[in-house]
């Protein structure tokens, strides 16, 4: 829908809970790691069955592995930047 010209109502900000720590591993990195492990397992099963489709699983494992490292590194840099700004 288009702009009605009215000011947008701002939702009330929810304060962070005291003592609540952020998770040590970002969620996207964890998901990418799970995909990597499952694709390696699928590649092993595929190659053991004599199917060359395992090549696709190996490629998926490589991409998801790179995504895992990217998101872990990104979280580390953000954590260091937050600690430096305090």
PDB file of N, CA and C in Angstrom:
ATOM      1  N   UNK A   1       0.836  -1.163   0.000  1.00  0.00           N
ATOM      2  CA  UNK A   1       0.000   0.000   0.000  1.00  0.00           C
ATOM      3  C   UNK A   1       0.890   1.239   0.000  1.00  0.00           C
ATOM      4  N   UNK A   2       0.324   2.335  -0.425  1.00  0.00           N
ATOM      5  CA  UNK A   2       1.084   3.569  -0.538  1.00  0.00           C
ATOM      6  C   UNK A   2       1.173   4.330   0.765  1.00  0.00           C
ATOM      7  N   UNK A   3       1.861   5.432   0.700  1.00  0.00           N
ATOM      8  CA  UNK A   3       2.031   6.297   1.863  1.00  0.00           C
ATOM      9  C   UNK A   3       0.744   7.080   2.091  1.00  0.00           C
ATOM     10  N   UNK A   4       0.242   7.058   3.308  1.00  0.00           N
ATOM     11  CA  UNK A   4      -1.000   7.764   3.622  1.00  0.00           C
ATOM     12  C   UNK A   4      -0.748   9.162   4.150  1.00  0.00           C
ATOM     13  N   UNK A   5       0.513   9.494   4.363  1.00  0.00           N
ATOM     14  CA  UNK A   5       0.832  10.826   4.860  1.00  0.00           C
ATOM     15  C   UNK A   5       0.824  10.918   6.377  1.00  0.00           C
ATOM     16  N   UNK A   6       0.355   9.890   7.035  1.00  0.00           N
ATOM     17  CA  UNK A   6       0.354   9.895   8.492  1.00  0.00           C
ATOM     18  C   UNK A   6       1.700   9.431   9.021  1.00  0.00           C
ATOM     19  N   UNK A   7       2.026   9.919  10.199  1.00  0.00           N
ATOM     20  CA  UNK A   7       3.274   9.511  10.821  1.00  0.00           C
ATOM     21  C   UNK A   7       3.163   8.056  11.263  1.00  0.00           C
ATOM     22  N   UNK A   8       4.226   7.331  11.069  1.00  0.00           N
ATOM     23  CA  UNK A   8       4.235   5.922  11.459  1.00  0.00           C
ATOM     24  C   UNK A   8       4.296   5.814  12.973  1.00  0.00           C
ATOM     25  N   UNK A   9       3.488   4.945  13.517  1.00  0.00           N
ATOM     26  CA  UNK A   9       3.518   4.766  14.970  1.00  0.00           C
ATOM     27  C   UNK A   9       4.702   3.881  15.327  1.00  0.00           C
ATOM     28  N   UNK A  10       5.515   4.375  16.205  1.00  0.00           N
ATOM     29  CA  UNK A  10       6.701   3.637  16.613  1.00  0.00           C
ATOM     30  C   UNK A  10       6.326   2.626  17.686  1.00  0.00           C
ATOM     31  N   UNK A  11       6.778   1.423  17.493  1.00  0.00           N
ATOM     32  CA  UNK A  11       6.531   0.388  18.491  1.00  0.00           C
ATOM     33  C   UNK A  11       7.410   0.662  19.700  1.00  0.00           C
ATOM     34  N   UNK A  12       6.911   0.410  20.896  1.00  0.00           N
ATOM     35  CA  UNK A  12       7.725   0.656  22.083  1.00  0.00           C
ATOM     36  C   UNK A  12       8.945  -0.251  22.087  1.00  0.00           C
ATOM     37  N   UNK A  13      10.067   0.330  22.441  1.00  0.00           N
ATOM     38  CA  UNK A  13      11.306  -0.434  22.476  1.00  0.00           C
ATOM     39  C   UNK A  13      11.288  -1.383  23.667  1.00  0.00           C
ATOM     40  N   UNK A  14      11.700  -2.601  23.418  1.00  0.00           N
ATOM     41  CA  UNK A  14      11.748  -3.592  24.493  1.00  0.00           C
ATOM     42  C   UNK A  14      13.154  -3.560  25.081  1.00  0.00           C
ATOM     43  N   UNK A  15      13.266  -3.265  26.377  1.00  0.00           N
ATOM     44  CA  UNK A  15      14.607  -3.226  26.971  1.00  0.00           C
ATOM     45  C   UNK A  15      15.184  -4.637  27.067  1.00  0.00           C
ATOM     46  N   UNK A  16      16.502  -4.756  26.943  1.00  0.00           N
ATOM     47  CA  UNK A  16      17.106  -6.080  27.054  1.00  0.00           C
ATOM     48  C   UNK A  16      16.966  -6.606  28.475  1.00  0.00           C
ATOM     49  N   UNK A  17      16.822  -7.902  28.579  1.00  0.00           N
ATOM     50  CA  UNK A  17      16.707  -8.515  29.888  1.00  0.00           C
ATOM     51  C   UNK A  17      18.051  -8.481  30.607  1.00  0.00           C
ATOM     52  N   UNK A  18      18.025  -8.200  31.881  1.00  0.00           N
ATOM     53  CA  UNK A  18      19.253  -8.122  32.664  1.00  0.00           C
ATOM     54  C   UNK A  18      19.803  -9.534  32.838  1.00  0.00           C
ATOM     55  N   UNK A  19      21.088  -9.677  32.585  1.00  0.00           N
ATOM     56  CA  UNK A  19      21.737 -10.963  32.739  1.00  0.00           C
ATOM     57  C   UNK A  19      21.593 -11.871  31.537  1.00  0.00           C
ATOM     58  N   UNK A  20      20.907 -11.409  30.502  1.00  0.00           N
ATOM     59  CA  UNK A  20      20.743 -12.234  29.315  1.00  0.00           C
ATOM     60  C   UNK A  20      21.932 -11.995  28.400  1.00  0.00           C
ATOM     61  N   UNK A  21      22.692 -13.031  28.167  1.00  0.00           N
ATOM     62  CA  UNK A  21      23.877 -12.945  27.327  1.00  0.00           C
ATOM     63  C   UNK A  21      23.523 -13.362  25.906  1.00  0.00           C
ATOM     64  N   UNK A  22      24.156 -12.769  24.905  1.00  0.00           N
ATOM     65  CA  UNK A  22      23.930 -13.245  23.543  1.00  0.00           C
ATOM     66  C   UNK A  22      24.532 -14.643  23.378  1.00  0.00           C
ATOM     67  N   UNK A  23      24.006 -15.389  22.443  1.00  0.00           N
ATOM     68  CA  UNK A  23      24.506 -16.744  22.246  1.00  0.00           C
ATOM     69  C   UNK A  23      25.955 -16.683  21.778  1.00  0.00           C
ATOM     70  N   UNK A  24      26.786 -17.641  22.207  1.00  0.00           N
ATOM     71  CA  UNK A  24      28.204 -17.597  21.843  1.00  0.00           C
ATOM     72  C   UNK A  24      28.446 -17.826  20.361  1.00  0.00           C
ATOM     73  N   UNK A  25      27.544 -18.530  19.696  1.00  0.00           N
ATOM     74  CA  UNK A  25      27.692 -18.769  18.272  1.00  0.00           C
ATOM     75  C   UNK A  25      26.472 -18.211  17.554  1.00  0.00           C
ATOM     76  N   UNK A  26      26.674 -17.400  16.532  1.00  0.00           N
ATOM     77  CA  UNK A  26      25.524 -16.857  15.814  1.00  0.00           C
ATOM     78  C   UNK A  26      24.676 -17.974  15.209  1.00  0.00           C
ATOM     79  N   UNK A  27      23.412 -17.721  15.136  1.00  0.00           N
ATOM     80  CA  UNK A  27      22.467 -18.740  14.677  1.00  0.00           C
ATOM     81  C   UNK A  27      22.726 -19.151  13.230  1.00  0.00           C
ATOM     82  N   UNK A  28      23.035 -18.199  12.360  1.00  0.00           N
ATOM     83  CA  UNK A  28      23.278 -18.550  10.954  1.00  0.00           C
ATOM     84  C   UNK A  28      24.520 -19.425  10.800  1.00  0.00           C
ATOM     85  N   UNK A  29      25.534 -19.172  11.610  1.00  0.00           N
ATOM     86  CA  UNK A  29      26.735 -20.006  11.559  1.00  0.00           C
ATOM     87  C   UNK A  29      26.419 -21.426  12.012  1.00  0.00           C
ATOM     88  N   UNK A  30      25.569 -21.545  13.018  1.00  0.00           N
ATOM     89  CA  UNK A  30      25.190 -22.873  13.492  1.00  0.00           C
ATOM     90  C   UNK A  30      24.400 -23.627  12.429  1.00  0.00           C
ATOM     91  N   UNK A  31      23.472 -22.939  11.767  1.00  0.00           N
ATOM     92  CA  UNK A  31      22.701 -23.573  10.694  1.00  0.00           C
ATOM     93  C   UNK A  31      23.613 -24.002   9.537  1.00  0.00           C
ATOM     94  N   UNK A  32      24.549 -23.155   9.178  1.00  0.00           N
ATOM     95  CA  UNK A  32      25.470 -23.490   8.094  1.00  0.00           C
ATOM     96  C   UNK A  32      26.354 -24.678   8.474  1.00  0.00           C
ATOM     97  N   UNK A  33      26.743 -24.750   9.734  1.00  0.00           N
ATOM     98  CA  UNK A  33      27.546 -25.887  10.195  1.00  0.00           C
ATOM     99  C   UNK A  33      26.746 -27.186  10.128  1.00  0.00           C
ATOM    100  N   UNK A  34      25.472 -27.128  10.499  1.00  0.00           N
ATOM    101  CA  UNK A  34      24.614 -28.315  10.422  1.00  0.00           C
ATOM    102  C   UNK A  34      24.462 -28.763   8.969  1.00  0.00           C
ATOM    103  N   UNK A  35      24.265 -27.814   8.066  1.00  0.00           N
ATOM    104  CA  UNK A  35      24.154 -28.148   6.646  1.00  0.00           C
ATOM    105  C   UNK A  35      25.454 -28.768   6.137  1.00  0.00           C
ATOM    106  N   UNK A  36      26.578 -28.251   6.590  1.00  0.00           N
ATOM    107  CA  UNK A  36      27.878 -28.781   6.174  1.00  0.00           C
ATOM    108  C   UNK A  36      28.048 -30.231   6.628  1.00  0.00           C
ATOM    109  N   UNK A  37      27.742 -30.489   7.882  1.00  0.00           N
ATOM    110  CA  UNK A  37      27.890 -31.853   8.408  1.00  0.00           C
ATOM    111  C   UNK A  37      26.946 -32.817   7.701  1.00  0.00           C
ATOM    112  N   UNK A  38      25.708 -32.395   7.500  1.00  0.00           N
ATOM    113  CA  UNK A  38      24.745 -33.269   6.826  1.00  0.00           C
ATOM    114  C   UNK A  38      25.115 -33.518   5.363  1.00  0.00           C
ATOM    115  N   UNK A  39      25.656 -32.506   4.697  1.00  0.00           N
ATOM    116  CA  UNK A  39      26.029 -32.708   3.301  1.00  0.00           C
ATOM    117  C   UNK A  39      27.257 -33.611   3.171  1.00  0.00           C
ATOM    118  N   UNK A  40      28.164 -33.550   4.130  1.00  0.00           N
ATOM    119  CA  UNK A  40      29.305 -34.476   4.108  1.00  0.00           C
ATOM    120  C   UNK A  40      28.819 -35.903   4.327  1.00  0.00           C
ATOM    121  N   UNK A  41      27.889 -36.075   5.262  1.00  0.00           N
ATOM    122  CA  UNK A  41      27.329 -37.411   5.494  1.00  0.00           C
ATOM    123  C   UNK A  41      26.600 -37.920   4.243  1.00  0.00           C
ATOM    124  N   UNK A  42      25.865 -37.035   3.586  1.00  0.00           N
ATOM    125  CA  UNK A  42      25.161 -37.439   2.366  1.00  0.00           C
ATOM    126  C   UNK A  42      26.155 -37.792   1.260  1.00  0.00           C
ATOM    127  N   UNK A  43      27.265 -37.087   1.192  1.00  0.00           N
ATOM    128  CA  UNK A  43      28.277 -37.383   0.177  1.00  0.00           C
ATOM    129  C   UNK A  43      28.908 -38.745   0.434  1.00  0.00           C
ATOM    130  N   UNK A  44      29.185 -39.051   1.690  1.00  0.00           N
ATOM    131  CA  UNK A  44      29.770 -40.353   2.025  1.00  0.00           C
ATOM    132  C   UNK A  44      28.818 -41.475   1.648  1.00  0.00           C
ATOM    133  N   UNK A  45      27.543 -41.305   1.997  1.00  0.00           N
ATOM    134  CA  UNK A  45      26.552 -42.334   1.658  1.00  0.00           C
ATOM    135  C   UNK A  45      26.415 -42.458   0.142  1.00  0.00           C
ATOM    136  N   UNK A  46      26.421 -41.337  -0.544  1.00  0.00           N
ATOM    137  CA  UNK A  46      26.265 -41.350  -1.994  1.00  0.00           C
ATOM    138  C   UNK A  46      27.445 -42.042  -2.676  1.00  0.00           C
ATOM    139  N   UNK A  47      28.660 -41.709  -2.251  1.00  0.00           N
ATOM    140  CA  UNK A  47      29.830 -42.343  -2.854  1.00  0.00           C
ATOM    141  C   UNK A  47      29.903 -43.821  -2.488  1.00  0.00           C
ATOM    142  N   UNK A  48      29.494 -44.184  -1.285  1.00  0.00           N
ATOM    143  CA  UNK A  48      29.504 -45.592  -0.876  1.00  0.00           C
ATOM    144  C   UNK A  48      28.524 -46.406  -1.709  1.00  0.00           C
ATOM    145  N   UNK A  49      27.452 -45.767  -2.143  1.00  0.00           N
ATOM    146  CA  UNK A  49      26.466 -46.453  -2.983  1.00  0.00           C
ATOM    147  C   UNK A  49      26.885 -46.464  -4.454  1.00  0.00           C
ATOM    148  N   UNK A  50      28.010 -45.838  -4.767  1.00  0.00           N
ATOM    149  CA  UNK A  50      28.489 -45.815  -6.144  1.00  0.00           C
ATOM    150  C   UNK A  50      27.830 -44.752  -6.997  1.00  0.00           C
ATOM    151  N   UNK A  51      27.234 -43.755  -6.365  1.00  0.00           N
ATOM    152  CA  UNK A  51      26.530 -42.703  -7.085  1.00  0.00           C
ATOM    153  C   UNK A  51      27.435 -41.473  -7.172  1.00  0.00           C
ATOM    154  N   UNK A  52      27.584 -40.919  -8.344  1.00  0.00           N
ATOM    155  CA  UNK A  52      28.421 -39.733  -8.510  1.00  0.00           C
ATOM    156  C   UNK A  52      27.722 -38.441  -8.107  1.00  0.00           C
ATOM    157  N   UNK A  53      26.489 -38.534  -7.640  1.00  0.00           N
ATOM    158  CA  UNK A  53      25.782 -37.361  -7.140  1.00  0.00           C
ATOM    159  C   UNK A  53      26.456 -36.800  -5.879  1.00  0.00           C
ATOM    160  N   UNK A  54      27.333 -37.588  -5.289  1.00  0.00           N
ATOM    161  CA  UNK A  54      28.083 -37.135  -4.119  1.00  0.00           C
ATOM    162  C   UNK A  54      28.924 -35.906  -4.398  1.00  0.00           C
ATOM    163  N   UNK A  55      29.259 -35.680  -5.661  1.00  0.00           N
ATOM    164  CA  UNK A  55      30.029 -34.488  -6.030  1.00  0.00           C
ATOM    165  C   UNK A  55      29.239 -33.226  -5.684  1.00  0.00           C
ATOM    166  N   UNK A  56      27.943 -33.257  -5.925  1.00  0.00           N
ATOM    167  CA  UNK A  56      27.092 -32.112  -5.592  1.00  0.00           C
ATOM    168  C   UNK A  56      27.077 -31.888  -4.090  1.00  0.00           C
ATOM    169  N   UNK A  57      27.025 -32.984  -3.322  1.00  0.00           N
ATOM    170  CA  UNK A  57      27.032 -32.849  -1.859  1.00  0.00           C
ATOM    171  C   UNK A  57      28.346 -32.263  -1.361  1.00  0.00           C
ATOM    172  N   UNK A  58      29.453 -32.638  -2.000  1.00  0.00           N
ATOM    173  CA  UNK A  58      30.757 -32.084  -1.620  1.00  0.00           C
ATOM    174  C   UNK A  58      30.795 -30.587  -1.902  1.00  0.00           C
ATOM    175  N   UNK A  59      30.245 -30.172  -3.038  1.00  0.00           N
ATOM    176  CA  UNK A  59      30.195 -28.744  -3.353  1.00  0.00           C
ATOM    177  C   UNK A  59      29.335 -27.983  -2.340  1.00  0.00           C
ATOM    178  N   UNK A  60      28.211 -28.568  -1.953  1.00  0.00           N
ATOM    179  CA  UNK A  60      27.355 -27.940  -0.946  1.00  0.00           C
ATOM    180  C   UNK A  60      28.073 -27.854   0.398  1.00  0.00           C
ATOM    181  N   UNK A  61      28.844 -28.875   0.732  1.00  0.00           N
ATOM    182  CA  UNK A  61      29.614 -28.845   1.980  1.00  0.00           C
ATOM    183  C   UNK A  61      30.643 -27.714   1.954  1.00  0.00           C
ATOM    184  N   UNK A  62      31.264 -27.497   0.811  1.00  0.00           N
ATOM    185  CA  UNK A  62      32.244 -26.417   0.699  1.00  0.00           C
ATOM    186  C   UNK A  62      31.615 -25.049   0.865  1.00  0.00           C
ATOM    187  N   UNK A  63      30.477 -24.845   0.242  1.00  0.00           N
ATOM    188  CA  UNK A  63      29.795 -23.551   0.344  1.00  0.00           C
ATOM    189  C   UNK A  63      29.330 -23.305   1.785  1.00  0.00           C
ATOM    190  N   UNK A  64      28.730 -24.320   2.385  1.00  0.00           N
ATOM    191  CA  UNK A  64      28.234 -24.129   3.749  1.00  0.00           C
ATOM    192  C   UNK A  64      29.385 -23.974   4.746  1.00  0.00           C
ATOM    193  N   UNK A  65      30.502 -24.615   4.489  1.00  0.00           N
ATOM    194  CA  UNK A  65      31.677 -24.437   5.344  1.00  0.00           C
ATOM    195  C   UNK A  65      32.167 -22.987   5.275  1.00  0.00           C
ATOM    196  N   UNK A  66      32.219 -22.444   4.063  1.00  0.00           N
ATOM    197  CA  UNK A  66      32.630 -21.045   3.914  1.00  0.00           C
ATOM    198  C   UNK A  66      31.645 -20.100   4.596  1.00  0.00           C
ATOM    199  N   UNK A  67      30.356 -20.418   4.518  1.00  0.00           N
ATOM    200  CA  UNK A  67      29.356 -19.587   5.193  1.00  0.00           C
ATOM    201  C   UNK A  67      29.540 -19.635   6.706  1.00  0.00           C
ATOM    202  N   UNK A  68      29.861 -20.815   7.233  1.00  0.00           N
ATOM    203  CA  UNK A  68      30.090 -20.944   8.667  1.00  0.00           C
ATOM    204  C   UNK A  68      31.243 -20.063   9.108  1.00  0.00           C
ATOM    205  N   UNK A  69      32.373 -20.149   8.403  1.00  0.00           N
ATOM    206  CA  UNK A  69      33.525 -19.328   8.765  1.00  0.00           C
ATOM    207  C   UNK A  69      33.222 -17.843   8.625  1.00  0.00           C
ATOM    208  N   UNK A  70      32.477 -17.470   7.587  1.00  0.00           N
ATOM    209  CA  UNK A  70      32.131 -16.062   7.378  1.00  0.00           C
ATOM    210  C   UNK A  70      31.311 -15.521   8.541  1.00  0.00           C
ATOM    211  N   UNK A  71      30.257 -16.242   8.926  1.00  0.00           N
ATOM    212  CA  UNK A  71      29.389 -15.754   9.994  1.00  0.00           C
ATOM    213  C   UNK A  71      30.084 -15.775  11.350  1.00  0.00           C
ATOM    214  N   UNK A  72      30.970 -16.743  11.580  1.00  0.00           N
ATOM    215  CA  UNK A  72      31.730 -16.739  12.836  1.00  0.00           C
ATOM    216  C   UNK A  72      32.683 -15.545  12.884  1.00  0.00           C
ATOM    217  N   UNK A  73      33.361 -15.289  11.784  1.00  0.00           N
ATOM    218  CA  UNK A  73      34.296 -14.161  11.733  1.00  0.00           C
ATOM    219  C   UNK A  73      33.544 -12.836  11.865  1.00  0.00           C
ATOM    220  N   UNK A  74      32.389 -12.738  11.224  1.00  0.00           N
ATOM    221  CA  UNK A  74      31.592 -11.525  11.308  1.00  0.00           C
ATOM    222  C   UNK A  74      31.146 -11.271  12.750  1.00  0.00           C
ATOM    223  N   UNK A  75      30.729 -12.317  13.452  1.00  0.00           N
ATOM    224  CA  UNK A  75      30.317 -12.163  14.850  1.00  0.00           C
ATOM    225  C   UNK A  75      31.490 -11.759  15.723  1.00  0.00           C
ATOM    226  N   UNK A  76      32.667 -12.307  15.445  1.00  0.00           N
ATOM    227  CA  UNK A  76      33.856 -11.959  16.228  1.00  0.00           C
ATOM    228  C   UNK A  76      34.220 -10.484  16.036  1.00  0.00           C
ATOM    229  N   UNK A  77      34.170 -10.020  14.790  1.00  0.00           N
ATOM    230  CA  UNK A  77      34.494  -8.619  14.508  1.00  0.00           C
ATOM    231  C   UNK A  77      33.483  -7.688  15.164  1.00  0.00           C
ATOM    232  N   UNK A  78      32.190  -8.046  15.096  1.00  0.00           N
ATOM    233  CA  UNK A  78      31.157  -7.217  15.735  1.00  0.00           C
ATOM    234  C   UNK A  78      31.316  -7.187  17.239  1.00  0.00           C
ATOM    235  N   UNK A  79      31.704  -8.321  17.827  1.00  0.00           N
ATOM    236  CA  UNK A  79      31.918  -8.389  19.266  1.00  0.00           C
ATOM    237  C   UNK A  79      33.093  -7.512  19.678  1.00  0.00           C
ATOM    238  N   UNK A  80      34.185  -7.576  18.901  1.00  0.00           N
ATOM    239  CA  UNK A  80      35.338  -6.743  19.198  1.00  0.00           C
ATOM    240  C   UNK A  80      35.022  -5.268  19.031  1.00  0.00           C
ATOM    241  N   UNK A  81      34.228  -4.931  18.019  1.00  0.00           N
ATOM    242  CA  UNK A  81      33.856  -3.518  17.800  1.00  0.00           C
ATOM    243  C   UNK A  81      32.972  -3.020  18.945  1.00  0.00           C
ATOM    244  N   UNK A  82      32.071  -3.874  19.428  1.00  0.00           N
ATOM    245  CA  UNK A  82      31.206  -3.478  20.534  1.00  0.00           C
ATOM    246  C   UNK A  82      32.012  -3.300  21.812  1.00  0.00           C
ATOM    247  N   UNK A  83      33.017  -4.162  22.013  1.00  0.00           N
ATOM    248  CA  UNK A  83      33.845  -4.050  23.209  1.00  0.00           C
ATOM    249  C   UNK A  83      34.735  -2.804  23.138  1.00  0.00           C
ATOM    250  N   UNK A  84      35.154  -2.439  21.941  1.00  0.00           N
ATOM    251  CA  UNK A  84      36.025  -1.269  21.788  1.00  0.00           C
ATOM    252  C   UNK A  84      35.242   0.024  21.948  1.00  0.00           C
ATOM    253  N   UNK A  85      33.962   0.006  21.618  1.00  0.00           N
ATOM    254  CA  UNK A  85      33.173   1.233  21.708  1.00  0.00           C
ATOM    255  C   UNK A  85      32.669   1.509  23.111  1.00  0.00           C
ATOM    256  N   UNK A  86      32.799   0.561  24.012  1.00  0.00           N
ATOM    257  CA  UNK A  86      32.309   0.742  25.389  1.00  0.00           C
ATOM    258  C   UNK A  86      33.292   1.481  26.216  1.00  0.00           C
TER     259      UNK A  86
END
